[in-house]
């Protein structure tokens, strides 16, 4: 199985684990006389088995990804940079007063213009796309041992 397939399998396991825990939580304590559609004990056993499978799979993925950790970390940090840049206040020129200050208009100036900010965002989006392409290729061609 390649990394791409392993990541899909990981997501499936995560959903199955959630489902089993939901069954445990929902059907462990029921009113006497009501039918229990799922056994909480059986769901607990499944929950633990699936979690053990997930640990093994995540470990395999982790080991396989070692050569591209720099790309994975860069991808995460570049996304964070974009998020912060998008929230950067780039308002300049005359602005009306507000209720917290006086009602007098204020004149604002910026050091980083909205155009510069948008250009930086575009630059980092390009970097992210390039890294994602490299990771997609890596995930497709890198094999990991089956669990």
Protein backbone atom coordinates (compact mmCIF):
# COMPACT_ATOMS: atom_id res chain seq x y z
CA UNK A 1 0.00 0.00 0.00
CA UNK A 2 1.29 3.47 -0.79
CA UNK A 3 1.15 6.46 1.54
CA UNK A 4 -1.88 7.88 -0.28
CA UNK A 5 -3.82 4.66 0.31
CA UNK A 6 -2.61 4.53 3.91
CA UNK A 7 -3.87 8.06 4.54
CA UNK A 8 -7.29 7.11 3.17
CA UNK A 9 -7.31 3.99 5.34
CA UNK A 10 -6.36 6.12 8.36
CA UNK A 11 -9.35 8.40 7.78
CA UNK A 12 -11.66 5.40 7.51
CA UNK A 13 -10.30 3.95 10.77
CA UNK A 14 -10.79 7.29 12.52
CA UNK A 15 -14.44 7.35 11.44
CA UNK A 16 -14.96 3.72 12.50
CA UNK A 17 -13.45 4.49 15.91
CA UNK A 18 -15.81 7.45 16.34
CA UNK A 19 -18.75 5.26 15.36
CA UNK A 20 -17.81 2.53 17.86
CA UNK A 21 -17.35 5.06 20.65
CA UNK A 22 -20.72 6.60 19.82
CA UNK A 23 -22.30 3.15 20.17
CA UNK A 24 -20.58 2.60 23.52
CA UNK A 25 -21.71 6.00 24.76
CA UNK A 26 -25.27 5.67 23.46
CA UNK A 27 -26.06 2.06 24.36
CA UNK A 28 -24.06 1.36 27.50
CA UNK A 29 -26.78 2.64 29.82
CA UNK A 30 -30.34 2.05 28.67
CA UNK A 31 -33.66 1.88 30.42
CA UNK A 32 -34.60 -1.56 31.70
CA UNK A 33 -36.83 -3.32 29.21
CA UNK A 34 -35.58 -1.43 26.17
CA UNK A 35 -33.86 -3.33 23.41
CA UNK A 36 -30.11 -2.70 23.12
CA UNK A 37 -29.38 -2.55 19.35
CA UNK A 38 -25.58 -2.67 19.90
CA UNK A 39 -23.59 -4.34 22.63
CA UNK A 40 -21.44 -1.78 24.44
CA UNK A 41 -18.97 -4.54 25.31
CA UNK A 42 -18.63 -5.62 21.67
CA UNK A 43 -18.32 -1.98 20.58
CA UNK A 44 -15.65 -1.43 23.24
CA UNK A 45 -13.71 -4.43 21.94
CA UNK A 46 -14.00 -3.10 18.36
CA UNK A 47 -13.03 0.38 19.54
CA UNK A 48 -9.83 -0.90 21.14
CA UNK A 49 -8.94 -3.14 18.16
CA UNK A 50 -9.49 -0.32 15.67
CA UNK A 51 -7.44 2.06 17.81
CA UNK A 52 -4.56 -0.44 17.87
CA UNK A 53 -4.76 -0.74 14.07
CA UNK A 54 -4.73 3.06 13.81
CA UNK A 55 -1.62 3.32 15.98
CA UNK A 56 0.23 0.82 13.77
CA UNK A 57 -0.90 2.55 10.58
CA UNK A 58 0.00 6.04 11.83
CA UNK A 59 3.42 4.73 12.87
CA UNK A 60 3.99 3.29 9.39
CA UNK A 61 2.91 6.55 7.75
CA UNK A 62 5.12 8.52 10.13
CA UNK A 63 8.17 6.40 9.28
CA UNK A 64 7.48 6.57 5.55
CA UNK A 65 7.12 10.37 5.64
CA UNK A 66 10.50 10.97 7.25
CA UNK A 67 12.18 12.08 3.97
CA UNK A 68 9.54 14.77 3.38
CA UNK A 69 9.02 16.17 6.87
CA UNK A 70 10.56 19.46 5.80
CA UNK A 71 7.88 19.78 3.12
CA UNK A 72 5.08 18.75 5.48
CA UNK A 73 6.20 21.28 8.10
CA UNK A 74 6.66 24.02 5.49
CA UNK A 75 3.17 23.36 4.12
CA UNK A 76 1.66 23.77 7.57
CA UNK A 77 3.60 26.94 8.36
CA UNK A 78 2.90 28.54 4.97
CA UNK A 79 -0.81 27.95 5.51
CA UNK A 80 -0.47 29.65 8.89
CA UNK A 81 1.30 32.62 7.28
CA UNK A 82 -1.55 32.98 4.77
CA UNK A 83 -4.14 32.83 7.54
CA UNK A 84 -2.36 35.57 9.45
CA UNK A 85 -1.84 37.73 6.37
CA UNK A 86 -5.53 37.48 5.50
CA UNK A 87 -6.42 38.87 8.92
CA UNK A 88 -3.91 41.74 8.66
CA UNK A 89 -5.56 45.14 8.87
CA UNK A 90 -4.63 47.06 5.72
CA UNK A 91 -7.09 49.93 6.09
CA UNK A 92 -5.59 53.25 5.12
CA UNK A 93 -6.86 56.73 4.46
CA UNK A 94 -9.70 58.50 6.22
CA UNK A 95 -11.92 56.35 8.37
CA UNK A 96 -15.00 57.37 10.31
CA UNK A 97 -14.80 57.50 14.09
CA UNK A 98 -16.41 54.79 16.15
CA UNK A 99 -18.26 54.60 19.43
CA UNK A 100 -15.16 53.53 21.39
CA UNK A 101 -13.15 56.58 20.36
CA UNK A 102 -14.34 59.99 19.58
CA UNK A 103 -16.61 60.34 16.60
CA UNK A 104 -13.91 62.21 14.74
CA UNK A 105 -12.61 60.73 11.51
CA UNK A 106 -9.09 59.41 11.61
CA UNK A 107 -6.48 59.10 8.90
CA UNK A 108 -4.76 55.72 8.83
CA UNK A 109 -1.53 54.72 7.19
CA UNK A 110 -0.10 51.26 6.61
CA UNK A 111 3.37 49.93 6.23
CA UNK A 112 2.21 46.85 4.30
CA UNK A 113 -0.39 47.76 1.68
CA UNK A 114 -3.30 45.56 0.75
CA UNK A 115 -1.65 44.95 -2.64
CA UNK A 116 1.61 43.89 -1.00
CA UNK A 117 -0.33 41.65 1.39
CA UNK A 118 -2.29 40.07 -1.46
CA UNK A 119 0.92 39.53 -3.45
CA UNK A 120 2.48 37.77 -0.46
CA UNK A 121 -0.59 35.57 -0.12
CA UNK A 122 -0.38 34.67 -3.81
CA UNK A 123 3.33 33.90 -3.44
CA UNK A 124 2.74 31.55 -0.50
CA UNK A 125 -0.23 29.90 -2.23
CA UNK A 126 2.14 29.11 -5.11
CA UNK A 127 4.66 27.62 -2.71
CA UNK A 128 1.92 25.55 -1.09
CA UNK A 129 0.73 24.26 -4.47
CA UNK A 130 4.29 23.24 -5.43
CA UNK A 131 4.86 21.46 -2.14
CA UNK A 132 1.47 19.77 -2.34
CA UNK A 133 2.32 18.48 -5.84
CA UNK A 134 5.59 17.06 -4.51
CA UNK A 135 3.82 15.45 -1.55
CA UNK A 136 1.09 14.02 -3.79
CA UNK A 137 3.76 12.39 -5.96
CA UNK A 138 5.63 11.11 -2.88
CA UNK A 139 2.42 9.69 -1.41
CA UNK A 140 1.61 7.94 -4.67
CA UNK A 141 5.01 6.26 -5.20
CA UNK A 142 6.12 5.57 -1.62
CA UNK A 143 5.16 2.12 -0.38
CA UNK A 144 4.66 1.27 3.27
CA UNK A 145 4.37 -2.18 4.80
CA UNK A 146 0.85 -3.56 5.18
CA UNK A 147 -0.36 -4.01 8.74
